[in-house]
Amino acid sequence: MCPDLPPFRPIDLSAWPRRDHFAYYRDTLPCGYSLTCALDVTPLLDFAHQNALRFYGCLLYAVSRTVNEMDEMKLMLTPQGMPGIWETVHPNFTVFHEDDHTFSDLWCAYDGDFSTFYRHFTAAVERYGGNHGVKARPGQPANFFCVSCAPWLDFTGFSTFSAGGTPNLFPIVTCGRYARQDGRYTMPAALTISHAAADGYHAGQFFRRLQENCRAFPR
């Protein structure tokens, strides 16, 4: 294992069921996709309000927990170009600046314990959230994934693409504005990922687990 990289597990290609699919969608037909689903975030909102916490931090934990539960969401390439799986991935998330209507990227360390994770989140926002520019916090780790939020939009579809390049293996999760419907609060969430990393089945599992992590909150 390369000592300069965070811990990862190389994939045994001889025993990997998705070996041919990975090679096909990585080399022959490089493509990715975006899927949007409506999440019931009522438990998250209730928990955040009852404990005077930021909803964004609670949501970020639910997303990060889900991503870290799935190998397909932690796929990477070794320095030799072979597929592997990160042991842990950390959220790279956006914050909005009201003064000039731009955004910046921050990151925080993932921890399976909610209280610890939330401390990491708030510490990152408090220290770096006022910095402008695309990358507001230095030192972004190699084992990251992306989360962003567009609270102005209650969208029903979302699409992004990598101009002229191969889609990223790491997932991009984009959330919108939550709205009340039939006594519950729903929020659109989009998953964008390379087809080499995940198929429709895995995307379905991602949203199922994310909904479970939103309902069984906190852990």
N, C-alpha and C. Protein backbone atom coordinates (compact mmCIF):
# COMPACT_ATOMS: atom_id res chain seq x y z
N MET A 1 0.83 -1.19 0.00
CA MET A 1 0.00 0.00 0.00
C MET A 1 0.87 1.25 0.00
N CYS A 2 0.51 2.21 -0.79
CA CYS A 2 1.30 3.43 -0.90
C CYS A 2 1.24 4.21 0.41
N PRO A 3 2.40 4.51 1.02
CA PRO A 3 2.39 5.19 2.32
C PRO A 3 1.91 6.63 2.26
N ASP A 4 1.86 7.20 1.05
CA ASP A 4 1.44 8.60 0.91
C ASP A 4 -0.07 8.74 0.80
N LEU A 5 -0.79 7.65 0.72
CA LEU A 5 -2.23 7.69 0.58
C LEU A 5 -2.91 7.22 1.87
N PRO A 6 -4.14 7.70 2.13
CA PRO A 6 -4.91 7.16 3.26
C PRO A 6 -5.17 5.67 3.05
N PRO A 7 -5.57 4.96 4.09
CA PRO A 7 -5.79 3.51 3.97
C PRO A 7 -6.84 3.16 2.92
N PHE A 8 -6.53 2.17 2.11
CA PHE A 8 -7.47 1.66 1.13
C PHE A 8 -7.26 0.17 0.96
N ARG A 9 -8.26 -0.50 0.35
CA ARG A 9 -8.20 -1.93 0.11
C ARG A 9 -8.17 -2.19 -1.39
N PRO A 10 -7.09 -2.75 -1.91
CA PRO A 10 -7.07 -3.08 -3.34
C PRO A 10 -8.15 -4.11 -3.66
N ILE A 11 -8.70 -4.03 -4.84
CA ILE A 11 -9.73 -4.97 -5.26
C ILE A 11 -9.09 -6.15 -6.00
N ASP A 12 -9.49 -7.34 -5.63
CA ASP A 12 -9.04 -8.55 -6.31
C ASP A 12 -9.86 -8.70 -7.59
N LEU A 13 -9.28 -8.33 -8.71
CA LEU A 13 -10.03 -8.33 -9.97
C LEU A 13 -10.53 -9.72 -10.35
N SER A 14 -9.80 -10.74 -9.97
CA SER A 14 -10.22 -12.10 -10.35
C SER A 14 -11.51 -12.52 -9.68
N ALA A 15 -11.85 -11.86 -8.56
CA ALA A 15 -13.06 -12.24 -7.82
C ALA A 15 -14.10 -11.12 -7.79
N TRP A 16 -13.87 -10.05 -8.53
CA TRP A 16 -14.77 -8.89 -8.49
C TRP A 16 -15.87 -9.05 -9.54
N PRO A 17 -17.14 -9.15 -9.13
CA PRO A 17 -18.22 -9.34 -10.09
C PRO A 17 -18.36 -8.19 -11.09
N ARG A 18 -17.95 -6.99 -10.69
CA ARG A 18 -18.12 -5.84 -11.58
C ARG A 18 -16.86 -5.52 -12.39
N ARG A 19 -15.95 -6.46 -12.47
CA ARG A 19 -14.69 -6.21 -13.18
C ARG A 19 -14.94 -5.76 -14.63
N ASP A 20 -15.76 -6.49 -15.37
CA ASP A 20 -16.00 -6.15 -16.77
C ASP A 20 -16.77 -4.84 -16.89
N HIS A 21 -17.72 -4.61 -15.99
CA HIS A 21 -18.50 -3.38 -16.04
C HIS A 21 -17.61 -2.17 -15.76
N PHE A 22 -16.72 -2.31 -14.78
CA PHE A 22 -15.81 -1.23 -14.46
C PHE A 22 -14.94 -0.88 -15.67
N ALA A 23 -14.36 -1.88 -16.29
CA ALA A 23 -13.48 -1.65 -17.43
C ALA A 23 -14.25 -1.04 -18.61
N TYR A 24 -15.46 -1.53 -18.85
CA TYR A 24 -16.25 -1.03 -19.98
C TYR A 24 -16.61 0.44 -19.81
N TYR A 25 -17.13 0.79 -18.61
CA TYR A 25 -17.57 2.17 -18.40
C TYR A 25 -16.44 3.11 -17.99
N ARG A 26 -15.26 2.55 -17.78
CA ARG A 26 -14.10 3.40 -17.51
C ARG A 26 -13.30 3.68 -18.78
N ASP A 27 -13.22 2.68 -19.66
CA ASP A 27 -12.34 2.78 -20.82
C ASP A 27 -13.09 2.85 -22.16
N THR A 28 -14.08 1.98 -22.35
CA THR A 28 -14.75 1.90 -23.64
C THR A 28 -15.85 2.96 -23.79
N LEU A 29 -16.69 3.08 -22.80
CA LEU A 29 -17.80 4.03 -22.84
C LEU A 29 -17.84 4.82 -21.54
N PRO A 30 -16.91 5.76 -21.35
CA PRO A 30 -16.87 6.52 -20.09
C PRO A 30 -18.13 7.38 -19.94
N CYS A 31 -18.89 7.13 -18.90
CA CYS A 31 -20.10 7.91 -18.69
C CYS A 31 -20.50 7.85 -17.22
N GLY A 32 -21.31 8.79 -16.84
CA GLY A 32 -21.88 8.82 -15.50
C GLY A 32 -23.35 9.14 -15.60
N TYR A 33 -23.99 9.26 -14.46
CA TYR A 33 -25.41 9.58 -14.47
C TYR A 33 -25.79 10.29 -13.18
N SER A 34 -26.94 10.95 -13.21
CA SER A 34 -27.50 11.60 -12.03
C SER A 34 -28.91 11.08 -11.82
N LEU A 35 -29.25 10.76 -10.58
CA LEU A 35 -30.59 10.34 -10.21
C LEU A 35 -31.08 11.21 -9.06
N THR A 36 -32.35 11.61 -9.11
CA THR A 36 -32.93 12.46 -8.08
C THR A 36 -34.09 11.74 -7.42
N CYS A 37 -34.12 11.75 -6.09
CA CYS A 37 -35.21 11.17 -5.32
C CYS A 37 -35.67 12.16 -4.24
N ALA A 38 -36.90 12.01 -3.81
CA ALA A 38 -37.43 12.84 -2.73
C ALA A 38 -37.23 12.10 -1.41
N LEU A 39 -36.58 12.75 -0.45
CA LEU A 39 -36.32 12.17 0.85
C LEU A 39 -37.28 12.73 1.89
N ASP A 40 -37.71 11.90 2.80
CA ASP A 40 -38.46 12.36 3.97
C ASP A 40 -37.45 12.77 5.03
N VAL A 41 -37.29 14.07 5.23
CA VAL A 41 -36.30 14.58 6.19
C VAL A 41 -36.95 15.07 7.48
N THR A 42 -38.20 14.69 7.71
CA THR A 42 -38.90 15.12 8.92
C THR A 42 -38.13 14.77 10.20
N PRO A 43 -37.62 13.52 10.35
CA PRO A 43 -36.87 13.20 11.57
C PRO A 43 -35.61 14.06 11.74
N LEU A 44 -34.93 14.36 10.66
CA LEU A 44 -33.75 15.20 10.72
C LEU A 44 -34.10 16.61 11.20
N LEU A 45 -35.16 17.16 10.64
CA LEU A 45 -35.60 18.50 11.04
C LEU A 45 -36.02 18.53 12.50
N ASP A 46 -36.78 17.53 12.90
CA ASP A 46 -37.24 17.48 14.29
C ASP A 46 -36.04 17.40 15.24
N PHE A 47 -35.10 16.54 14.92
CA PHE A 47 -33.92 16.38 15.78
C PHE A 47 -33.10 17.67 15.84
N ALA A 48 -32.91 18.31 14.69
CA ALA A 48 -32.14 19.55 14.65
C ALA A 48 -32.82 20.65 15.47
N HIS A 49 -34.13 20.79 15.31
CA HIS A 49 -34.86 21.85 16.03
C HIS A 49 -34.88 21.58 17.53
N GLN A 50 -35.12 20.33 17.90
CA GLN A 50 -35.22 19.99 19.33
C GLN A 50 -33.89 20.18 20.06
N ASN A 51 -32.78 20.05 19.32
CA ASN A 51 -31.46 20.14 19.95
C ASN A 51 -30.69 21.40 19.54
N ALA A 52 -31.39 22.33 18.89
CA ALA A 52 -30.77 23.60 18.47
C ALA A 52 -29.50 23.37 17.65
N LEU A 53 -29.59 22.44 16.70
CA LEU A 53 -28.47 22.12 15.82
C LEU A 53 -28.76 22.59 14.40
N ARG A 54 -27.72 22.70 13.62
CA ARG A 54 -27.89 23.08 12.22
C ARG A 54 -28.37 21.88 11.41
N PHE A 55 -29.44 22.10 10.67
CA PHE A 55 -29.98 21.02 9.84
C PHE A 55 -28.93 20.53 8.84
N TYR A 56 -28.16 21.45 8.28
CA TYR A 56 -27.15 21.09 7.29
C TYR A 56 -26.14 20.10 7.88
N GLY A 57 -25.72 20.32 9.12
CA GLY A 57 -24.79 19.41 9.76
C GLY A 57 -25.39 18.03 9.98
N CYS A 58 -26.66 17.99 10.36
CA CYS A 58 -27.34 16.71 10.54
C CYS A 58 -27.49 15.97 9.22
N LEU A 59 -27.87 16.71 8.18
CA LEU A 59 -28.00 16.12 6.85
C LEU A 59 -26.66 15.60 6.36
N LEU A 60 -25.62 16.38 6.58
CA LEU A 60 -24.29 15.99 6.13
C LEU A 60 -23.85 14.69 6.79
N TYR A 61 -24.20 14.52 8.06
CA TYR A 61 -23.88 13.27 8.74
C TYR A 61 -24.62 12.09 8.11
N ALA A 62 -25.92 12.26 7.84
CA ALA A 62 -26.70 11.16 7.26
C ALA A 62 -26.15 10.76 5.90
N VAL A 63 -25.78 11.75 5.09
CA VAL A 63 -25.20 11.46 3.77
C VAL A 63 -23.85 10.78 3.93
N SER A 64 -23.01 11.30 4.82
CA SER A 64 -21.66 10.75 5.00
C SER A 64 -21.72 9.33 5.53
N ARG A 65 -22.64 9.07 6.43
CA ARG A 65 -22.79 7.71 6.96
C ARG A 65 -23.19 6.75 5.84
N THR A 66 -24.11 7.18 5.01
CA THR A 66 -24.57 6.34 3.91
C THR A 66 -23.44 6.04 2.94
N VAL A 67 -22.71 7.07 2.54
CA VAL A 67 -21.59 6.87 1.61
C VAL A 67 -20.57 5.90 2.20
N ASN A 68 -20.26 6.04 3.48
CA ASN A 68 -19.26 5.19 4.10
C ASN A 68 -19.74 3.76 4.34
N GLU A 69 -21.04 3.53 4.23
CA GLU A 69 -21.59 2.18 4.38
C GLU A 69 -21.48 1.37 3.09
N MET A 70 -21.15 2.02 1.96
CA MET A 70 -21.20 1.35 0.66
C MET A 70 -19.84 1.40 -0.03
N ASP A 71 -19.31 0.24 -0.35
CA ASP A 71 -18.03 0.19 -1.06
C ASP A 71 -18.10 0.88 -2.41
N GLU A 72 -19.25 0.79 -3.08
CA GLU A 72 -19.39 1.38 -4.41
C GLU A 72 -19.25 2.90 -4.36
N MET A 73 -19.49 3.50 -3.19
CA MET A 73 -19.38 4.95 -3.05
C MET A 73 -17.98 5.37 -2.58
N LYS A 74 -17.09 4.38 -2.39
CA LYS A 74 -15.74 4.68 -1.91
C LYS A 74 -14.67 4.18 -2.87
N LEU A 75 -15.04 4.04 -4.13
CA LEU A 75 -14.11 3.50 -5.11
C LEU A 75 -13.02 4.53 -5.44
N MET A 76 -11.83 4.04 -5.70
CA MET A 76 -10.69 4.89 -6.04
C MET A 76 -9.76 4.13 -6.97
N LEU A 77 -8.75 4.84 -7.48
CA LEU A 77 -7.71 4.22 -8.29
C LEU A 77 -6.39 4.29 -7.53
N THR A 78 -5.67 3.19 -7.50
CA THR A 78 -4.36 3.16 -6.88
C THR A 78 -3.37 3.91 -7.78
N PRO A 79 -2.19 4.23 -7.26
CA PRO A 79 -1.18 4.89 -8.11
C PRO A 79 -0.85 4.08 -9.37
N GLN A 80 -1.11 2.78 -9.34
CA GLN A 80 -0.85 1.93 -10.51
C GLN A 80 -2.06 1.88 -11.45
N GLY A 81 -3.12 2.62 -11.12
CA GLY A 81 -4.30 2.66 -11.97
C GLY A 81 -5.27 1.53 -11.75
N MET A 82 -5.11 0.78 -10.67
CA MET A 82 -6.01 -0.33 -10.37
C MET A 82 -7.09 0.13 -9.40
N PRO A 83 -8.29 -0.46 -9.47
CA PRO A 83 -9.36 -0.04 -8.56
C PRO A 83 -9.14 -0.51 -7.14
N GLY A 84 -9.53 0.32 -6.21
CA GLY A 84 -9.48 -0.01 -4.80
C GLY A 84 -10.62 0.66 -4.07
N ILE A 85 -10.71 0.44 -2.77
CA ILE A 85 -11.79 1.00 -1.97
C ILE A 85 -11.19 1.70 -0.76
N TRP A 86 -11.50 2.98 -0.62
CA TRP A 86 -11.04 3.72 0.54
C TRP A 86 -11.61 3.10 1.81
N GLU A 87 -10.84 3.10 2.87
CA GLU A 87 -11.34 2.64 4.15
C GLU A 87 -12.41 3.59 4.68
N THR A 88 -12.17 4.89 4.55
CA THR A 88 -13.10 5.93 4.98
C THR A 88 -13.02 7.09 3.99
N VAL A 89 -14.15 7.73 3.73
CA VAL A 89 -14.15 8.93 2.90
C VAL A 89 -14.77 10.08 3.71
N HIS A 90 -14.32 11.29 3.43
CA HIS A 90 -14.71 12.47 4.19
C HIS A 90 -15.47 13.45 3.30
N PRO A 91 -16.48 14.12 3.86
CA PRO A 91 -17.29 15.02 3.04
C PRO A 91 -16.58 16.33 2.72
N ASN A 92 -16.62 16.69 1.45
CA ASN A 92 -16.23 18.01 0.98
C ASN A 92 -17.54 18.74 0.68
N PHE A 93 -17.87 19.76 1.46
CA PHE A 93 -19.20 20.37 1.36
C PHE A 93 -19.10 21.87 1.09
N THR A 94 -20.16 22.42 0.56
CA THR A 94 -20.17 23.83 0.19
C THR A 94 -20.85 24.68 1.26
N VAL A 95 -20.38 25.93 1.37
CA VAL A 95 -21.03 26.95 2.19
C VAL A 95 -21.26 28.17 1.32
N PHE A 96 -22.34 28.90 1.59
CA PHE A 96 -22.73 30.05 0.78
C PHE A 96 -22.35 31.34 1.49
N HIS A 97 -21.89 32.32 0.71
CA HIS A 97 -21.52 33.62 1.26
C HIS A 97 -22.61 34.63 0.89
N GLU A 98 -23.28 35.15 1.90
CA GLU A 98 -24.36 36.09 1.66
C GLU A 98 -23.86 37.42 1.10
N ASP A 99 -22.61 37.79 1.42
CA ASP A 99 -22.14 39.12 1.03
C ASP A 99 -21.91 39.26 -0.47
N ASP A 100 -21.41 38.21 -1.13
CA ASP A 100 -21.16 38.33 -2.57
C ASP A 100 -21.81 37.21 -3.39
N HIS A 101 -22.64 36.40 -2.73
CA HIS A 101 -23.41 35.34 -3.40
C HIS A 101 -22.52 34.32 -4.12
N THR A 102 -21.34 34.06 -3.54
CA THR A 102 -20.50 32.99 -4.03
C THR A 102 -20.51 31.86 -3.01
N PHE A 103 -19.87 30.75 -3.35
CA PHE A 103 -19.77 29.63 -2.41
C PHE A 103 -18.32 29.22 -2.27
N SER A 104 -18.03 28.48 -1.23
CA SER A 104 -16.71 27.91 -1.01
C SER A 104 -16.84 26.46 -0.57
N ASP A 105 -15.78 25.70 -0.86
CA ASP A 105 -15.69 24.31 -0.40
C ASP A 105 -15.00 24.25 0.95
N LEU A 106 -15.57 23.47 1.86
CA LEU A 106 -14.92 23.09 3.10
C LEU A 106 -14.88 21.57 3.16
N TRP A 107 -14.15 21.04 4.10
CA TRP A 107 -14.20 19.60 4.34
C TRP A 107 -14.06 19.37 5.84
N CYS A 108 -14.56 18.24 6.28
CA CYS A 108 -14.39 17.85 7.67
C CYS A 108 -14.21 16.35 7.73
N ALA A 109 -13.60 15.88 8.81
CA ALA A 109 -13.34 14.45 8.97
C ALA A 109 -14.63 13.72 9.31
N TYR A 110 -14.85 12.58 8.66
CA TYR A 110 -16.01 11.76 8.98
C TYR A 110 -15.76 10.94 10.24
N ASP A 111 -16.77 10.80 11.06
CA ASP A 111 -16.75 9.90 12.21
C ASP A 111 -18.13 9.28 12.33
N GLY A 112 -18.20 7.99 12.60
CA GLY A 112 -19.48 7.32 12.72
C GLY A 112 -20.31 7.77 13.90
N ASP A 113 -19.67 8.35 14.89
CA ASP A 113 -20.39 8.90 16.04
C ASP A 113 -20.89 10.30 15.69
N PHE A 114 -22.20 10.52 15.80
CA PHE A 114 -22.76 11.79 15.36
C PHE A 114 -22.19 12.98 16.11
N SER A 115 -22.09 12.89 17.43
CA SER A 115 -21.60 14.02 18.21
C SER A 115 -20.19 14.43 17.80
N THR A 116 -19.34 13.43 17.57
CA THR A 116 -17.97 13.72 17.13
C THR A 116 -17.98 14.35 15.75
N PHE A 117 -18.77 13.78 14.86
CA PHE A 117 -18.85 14.34 13.50
C PHE A 117 -19.36 15.77 13.53
N TYR A 118 -20.39 16.02 14.31
CA TYR A 118 -20.97 17.36 14.34
C TYR A 118 -19.96 18.37 14.88
N ARG A 119 -19.14 17.98 15.83
CA ARG A 119 -18.07 18.87 16.31
C ARG A 119 -17.08 19.17 15.19
N HIS A 120 -16.73 18.16 14.41
CA HIS A 120 -15.83 18.39 13.28
C HIS A 120 -16.45 19.37 12.29
N PHE A 121 -17.74 19.18 12.01
CA PHE A 121 -18.45 20.05 11.07
C PHE A 121 -18.47 21.50 11.55
N THR A 122 -18.90 21.71 12.78
CA THR A 122 -19.02 23.08 13.28
C THR A 122 -17.65 23.75 13.40
N ALA A 123 -16.62 22.98 13.78
CA ALA A 123 -15.28 23.55 13.88
C ALA A 123 -14.79 24.01 12.51
N ALA A 124 -15.06 23.23 11.47
CA ALA A 124 -14.65 23.61 10.12
C ALA A 124 -15.37 24.86 9.65
N VAL A 125 -16.68 24.93 9.91
CA VAL A 125 -17.46 26.10 9.49
C VAL A 125 -17.02 27.35 10.24
N GLU A 126 -16.82 27.22 11.53
CA GLU A 126 -16.46 28.38 12.33
C GLU A 126 -15.08 28.92 11.98
N ARG A 127 -14.15 28.02 11.68
CA ARG A 127 -12.78 28.47 11.39
C ARG A 127 -12.59 28.92 9.95
N TYR A 128 -13.21 28.20 9.01
CA TYR A 128 -12.94 28.46 7.60
C TYR A 128 -14.14 28.99 6.81
N GLY A 129 -15.33 28.97 7.42
CA GLY A 129 -16.53 29.33 6.68
C GLY A 129 -16.54 30.75 6.16
N GLY A 130 -15.79 31.65 6.78
CA GLY A 130 -15.75 33.04 6.32
C GLY A 130 -14.76 33.29 5.21
N ASN A 131 -13.93 32.29 4.89
CA ASN A 131 -12.97 32.44 3.80
C ASN A 131 -13.68 32.35 2.46
N HIS A 132 -13.29 33.21 1.53
CA HIS A 132 -13.85 33.19 0.19
C HIS A 132 -12.90 32.46 -0.76
N GLY A 133 -13.38 32.20 -1.96
CA GLY A 133 -12.63 31.41 -2.91
C GLY A 133 -13.18 30.01 -2.96
N VAL A 134 -12.84 29.27 -4.00
CA VAL A 134 -13.41 27.94 -4.18
C VAL A 134 -13.02 27.00 -3.04
N LYS A 135 -11.74 26.96 -2.71
CA LYS A 135 -11.26 26.08 -1.64
C LYS A 135 -10.95 26.93 -0.40
N ALA A 136 -11.88 26.93 0.55
CA ALA A 136 -11.74 27.78 1.73
C ALA A 136 -10.93 27.11 2.84
N ARG A 137 -10.86 25.79 2.83
CA ARG A 137 -10.06 25.08 3.82
C ARG A 137 -8.96 24.30 3.13
N PRO A 138 -7.71 24.53 3.47
CA PRO A 138 -6.61 23.79 2.83
C PRO A 138 -6.54 22.36 3.35
N GLY A 139 -5.74 21.56 2.64
CA GLY A 139 -5.47 20.21 3.11
C GLY A 139 -6.54 19.19 2.80
N GLN A 140 -7.35 19.43 1.78
CA GLN A 140 -8.41 18.45 1.45
C GLN A 140 -7.78 17.08 1.21
N PRO A 141 -8.28 16.05 1.90
CA PRO A 141 -7.69 14.71 1.75
C PRO A 141 -8.03 14.09 0.40
N ALA A 142 -7.25 13.10 0.01
CA ALA A 142 -7.49 12.42 -1.25
C ALA A 142 -8.78 11.60 -1.20
N ASN A 143 -9.12 11.11 -0.03
CA ASN A 143 -10.31 10.26 0.13
C ASN A 143 -11.51 11.12 0.52
N PHE A 144 -12.08 11.81 -0.46
CA PHE A 144 -13.22 12.69 -0.21
C PHE A 144 -14.35 12.38 -1.18
N PHE A 145 -15.52 12.91 -0.86
CA PHE A 145 -16.65 12.94 -1.80
C PHE A 145 -17.31 14.30 -1.65
N CYS A 146 -18.23 14.64 -2.52
CA CYS A 146 -18.77 15.99 -2.57
C CYS A 146 -20.24 16.04 -2.17
N VAL A 147 -20.58 17.06 -1.38
CA VAL A 147 -21.96 17.34 -1.00
C VAL A 147 -22.20 18.83 -1.19
N SER A 148 -23.32 19.18 -1.80
CA SER A 148 -23.69 20.58 -1.93
C SER A 148 -25.19 20.72 -1.70
N CYS A 149 -25.61 21.94 -1.44
CA CYS A 149 -27.03 22.18 -1.16
C CYS A 149 -27.46 23.44 -1.88
N ALA A 150 -28.61 23.36 -2.53
CA ALA A 150 -29.22 24.51 -3.19
C ALA A 150 -30.58 24.76 -2.53
N PRO A 151 -30.60 25.40 -1.36
CA PRO A 151 -31.84 25.54 -0.60
C PRO A 151 -32.86 26.48 -1.23
N TRP A 152 -32.53 27.07 -2.36
CA TRP A 152 -33.46 27.96 -3.05
C TRP A 152 -34.35 27.19 -4.03
N LEU A 153 -34.03 25.91 -4.26
CA LEU A 153 -34.69 25.16 -5.32
C LEU A 153 -35.31 23.87 -4.79
N ASP A 154 -36.58 23.67 -5.08
CA ASP A 154 -37.24 22.40 -4.82
C ASP A 154 -37.32 21.66 -6.16
N PHE A 155 -36.17 21.15 -6.61
CA PHE A 155 -36.09 20.58 -7.96
C PHE A 155 -36.59 19.14 -7.99
N THR A 156 -36.94 18.69 -9.18
CA THR A 156 -37.37 17.31 -9.38
C THR A 156 -36.39 16.53 -10.24
N GLY A 157 -35.40 17.21 -10.78
CA GLY A 157 -34.37 16.56 -11.58
C GLY A 157 -33.09 17.36 -11.51
N PHE A 158 -31.98 16.67 -11.70
CA PHE A 158 -30.68 17.33 -11.61
C PHE A 158 -29.71 16.59 -12.51
N SER A 159 -28.81 17.33 -13.16
CA SER A 159 -27.83 16.69 -14.02
C SER A 159 -26.54 17.48 -13.99
N THR A 160 -25.44 16.79 -13.97
CA THR A 160 -24.13 17.43 -14.08
C THR A 160 -23.26 16.57 -14.97
N PHE A 161 -22.16 17.12 -15.47
CA PHE A 161 -21.31 16.35 -16.35
C PHE A 161 -19.87 16.83 -16.22
N SER A 162 -18.96 15.97 -16.64
CA SER A 162 -17.54 16.29 -16.65
C SER A 162 -17.16 16.62 -18.08
N ALA A 163 -16.92 17.90 -18.35
CA ALA A 163 -16.68 18.35 -19.72
C ALA A 163 -15.38 17.76 -20.27
N GLY A 164 -15.49 16.93 -21.30
CA GLY A 164 -14.33 16.42 -21.99
C GLY A 164 -13.48 15.45 -21.22
N GLY A 165 -13.97 14.92 -20.11
CA GLY A 165 -13.15 14.02 -19.30
C GLY A 165 -13.93 12.81 -18.84
N THR A 166 -13.24 11.94 -18.12
CA THR A 166 -13.86 10.75 -17.57
C THR A 166 -14.59 11.11 -16.27
N PRO A 167 -15.82 10.67 -16.10
CA PRO A 167 -16.55 11.00 -14.86
C PRO A 167 -15.80 10.56 -13.62
N ASN A 168 -15.93 11.34 -12.56
CA ASN A 168 -15.27 11.03 -11.31
C ASN A 168 -15.86 9.77 -10.68
N LEU A 169 -15.00 8.97 -10.04
CA LEU A 169 -15.48 7.78 -9.35
C LEU A 169 -16.21 8.13 -8.06
N PHE A 170 -15.81 9.24 -7.41
CA PHE A 170 -16.44 9.59 -6.14
C PHE A 170 -17.85 10.16 -6.38
N PRO A 171 -18.77 9.95 -5.44
CA PRO A 171 -20.13 10.46 -5.60
C PRO A 171 -20.22 11.96 -5.33
N ILE A 172 -21.17 12.59 -6.00
CA ILE A 172 -21.55 13.97 -5.74
C ILE A 172 -23.02 13.96 -5.34
N VAL A 173 -23.31 14.45 -4.16
CA VAL A 173 -24.68 14.48 -3.65
C VAL A 173 -25.13 15.93 -3.57
N THR A 174 -26.24 16.23 -4.22
CA THR A 174 -26.77 17.59 -4.26
C THR A 174 -28.18 17.61 -3.68
N CYS A 175 -28.42 18.45 -2.68
CA CYS A 175 -29.72 18.52 -2.03
C CYS A 175 -30.37 19.87 -2.31
N GLY A 176 -31.69 19.90 -2.28
CA GLY A 176 -32.42 21.13 -2.55
C GLY A 176 -33.19 21.62 -1.34
N ARG A 177 -34.24 22.36 -1.60
CA ARG A 177 -35.05 22.96 -0.53
C ARG A 177 -36.09 21.94 -0.04
N TYR A 178 -36.24 21.85 1.26
CA TYR A 178 -37.28 20.95 1.77
C TYR A 178 -38.61 21.68 1.81
N ALA A 179 -39.69 20.92 1.65
CA ALA A 179 -41.03 21.50 1.60
C ALA A 179 -41.99 20.59 2.36
N ARG A 180 -43.01 21.19 2.96
CA ARG A 180 -43.99 20.43 3.73
C ARG A 180 -45.07 19.89 2.81
N GLN A 181 -45.37 18.62 2.98
CA GLN A 181 -46.41 17.97 2.18
C GLN A 181 -47.05 16.87 3.01
N ASP A 182 -48.38 16.98 3.19
CA ASP A 182 -49.13 15.97 3.95
C ASP A 182 -48.55 15.74 5.35
N GLY A 183 -48.14 16.82 5.99
CA GLY A 183 -47.64 16.74 7.34
C GLY A 183 -46.20 16.29 7.47
N ARG A 184 -45.51 16.05 6.35
CA ARG A 184 -44.12 15.62 6.37
C ARG A 184 -43.29 16.62 5.56
N TYR A 185 -41.97 16.60 5.80
CA TYR A 185 -41.06 17.45 5.04
C TYR A 185 -40.24 16.58 4.10
N THR A 186 -40.32 16.91 2.82
CA THR A 186 -39.55 16.18 1.82
C THR A 186 -38.52 17.10 1.19
N MET A 187 -37.44 16.51 0.73
CA MET A 187 -36.34 17.27 0.14
C MET A 187 -35.77 16.50 -1.04
N PRO A 188 -35.53 17.17 -2.17
CA PRO A 188 -34.91 16.47 -3.29
C PRO A 188 -33.42 16.24 -3.03
N ALA A 189 -32.95 15.07 -3.40
CA ALA A 189 -31.53 14.75 -3.28
C ALA A 189 -31.11 14.04 -4.56
N ALA A 190 -30.00 14.48 -5.12
CA ALA A 190 -29.49 13.91 -6.37
C ALA A 190 -28.15 13.25 -6.13
N LEU A 191 -27.96 12.09 -6.72
CA LEU A 191 -26.69 11.38 -6.70
C LEU A 191 -26.11 11.39 -8.10
N THR A 192 -24.88 11.89 -8.23
CA THR A 192 -24.16 11.86 -9.49
C THR A 192 -22.91 11.02 -9.31
N ILE A 193 -22.72 10.05 -10.20
CA ILE A 193 -21.59 9.13 -10.03
C ILE A 193 -21.23 8.48 -11.36
N SER A 194 -20.00 8.04 -11.48
CA SER A 194 -19.55 7.33 -12.67
C SER A 194 -20.24 5.98 -12.76
N HIS A 195 -20.61 5.60 -13.98
CA HIS A 195 -21.21 4.29 -14.19
C HIS A 195 -20.19 3.18 -13.92
N ALA A 196 -18.91 3.51 -14.00
CA ALA A 196 -17.88 2.52 -13.68
C ALA A 196 -17.90 2.16 -12.21
N ALA A 197 -18.35 3.09 -11.37
CA ALA A 197 -18.37 2.86 -9.93
C ALA A 197 -19.65 2.19 -9.46
N ALA A 198 -20.77 2.57 -10.05
CA ALA A 198 -22.06 2.09 -9.53
C ALA A 198 -23.08 1.99 -10.65
N ASP A 199 -23.92 0.97 -10.55
CA ASP A 199 -25.03 0.78 -11.48
C ASP A 199 -26.31 1.28 -10.82
N GLY A 200 -27.43 1.11 -11.55
CA GLY A 200 -28.71 1.55 -11.02
C GLY A 200 -29.08 0.86 -9.72
N TYR A 201 -28.71 -0.40 -9.59
CA TYR A 201 -28.99 -1.13 -8.35
C TYR A 201 -28.31 -0.45 -7.16
N HIS A 202 -27.06 -0.09 -7.33
CA HIS A 202 -26.31 0.53 -6.24
C HIS A 202 -26.86 1.92 -5.91
N ALA A 203 -27.30 2.64 -6.94
CA ALA A 203 -27.92 3.95 -6.70
C ALA A 203 -29.20 3.77 -5.89
N GLY A 204 -29.97 2.73 -6.23
CA GLY A 204 -31.18 2.45 -5.47
C GLY A 204 -30.88 2.11 -4.02
N GLN A 205 -29.81 1.33 -3.81
CA GLN A 205 -29.40 1.00 -2.44
C GLN A 205 -28.95 2.24 -1.69
N PHE A 206 -28.29 3.13 -2.40
CA PHE A 206 -27.83 4.38 -1.76
C PHE A 206 -29.01 5.17 -1.23
N PHE A 207 -30.03 5.38 -2.04
CA PHE A 207 -31.18 6.17 -1.60
C PHE A 207 -31.97 5.45 -0.51
N ARG A 208 -32.06 4.12 -0.60
CA ARG A 208 -32.75 3.38 0.45
C ARG A 208 -32.04 3.55 1.79
N ARG A 209 -30.72 3.41 1.78
CA ARG A 209 -29.96 3.55 3.01
C ARG A 209 -29.97 4.99 3.52
N LEU A 210 -29.91 5.94 2.60
CA LEU A 210 -29.95 7.34 3.02
C LEU A 210 -31.28 7.65 3.69
N GLN A 211 -32.38 7.14 3.15
CA GLN A 211 -33.66 7.36 3.79
C GLN A 211 -33.70 6.71 5.17
N GLU A 212 -33.16 5.51 5.29
CA GLU A 212 -33.10 4.85 6.60
C GLU A 212 -32.27 5.66 7.59
N ASN A 213 -31.16 6.20 7.14
CA ASN A 213 -30.31 6.99 8.03
C ASN A 213 -30.96 8.32 8.40
N CYS A 214 -31.84 8.81 7.57
CA CYS A 214 -32.59 10.02 7.92
C CYS A 214 -33.68 9.71 8.94
N ARG A 215 -34.29 8.56 8.83
CA ARG A 215 -35.39 8.20 9.74
C ARG A 215 -34.88 7.70 11.08
N ALA A 216 -33.78 6.98 11.08
CA ALA A 216 -33.24 6.43 12.33
C ALA A 216 -32.16 7.35 12.87
N PHE A 217 -32.52 8.59 13.05
CA PHE A 217 -31.51 9.59 13.41
C PHE A 217 -31.68 10.02 14.87
N PRO A 218 -30.59 10.25 15.64
CA PRO A 218 -29.19 10.00 15.23
C PRO A 218 -28.78 8.59 15.57
N ARG A 219 -27.53 8.23 15.24
CA ARG A 219 -27.00 6.92 15.59
C ARG A 219 -25.70 7.12 16.37
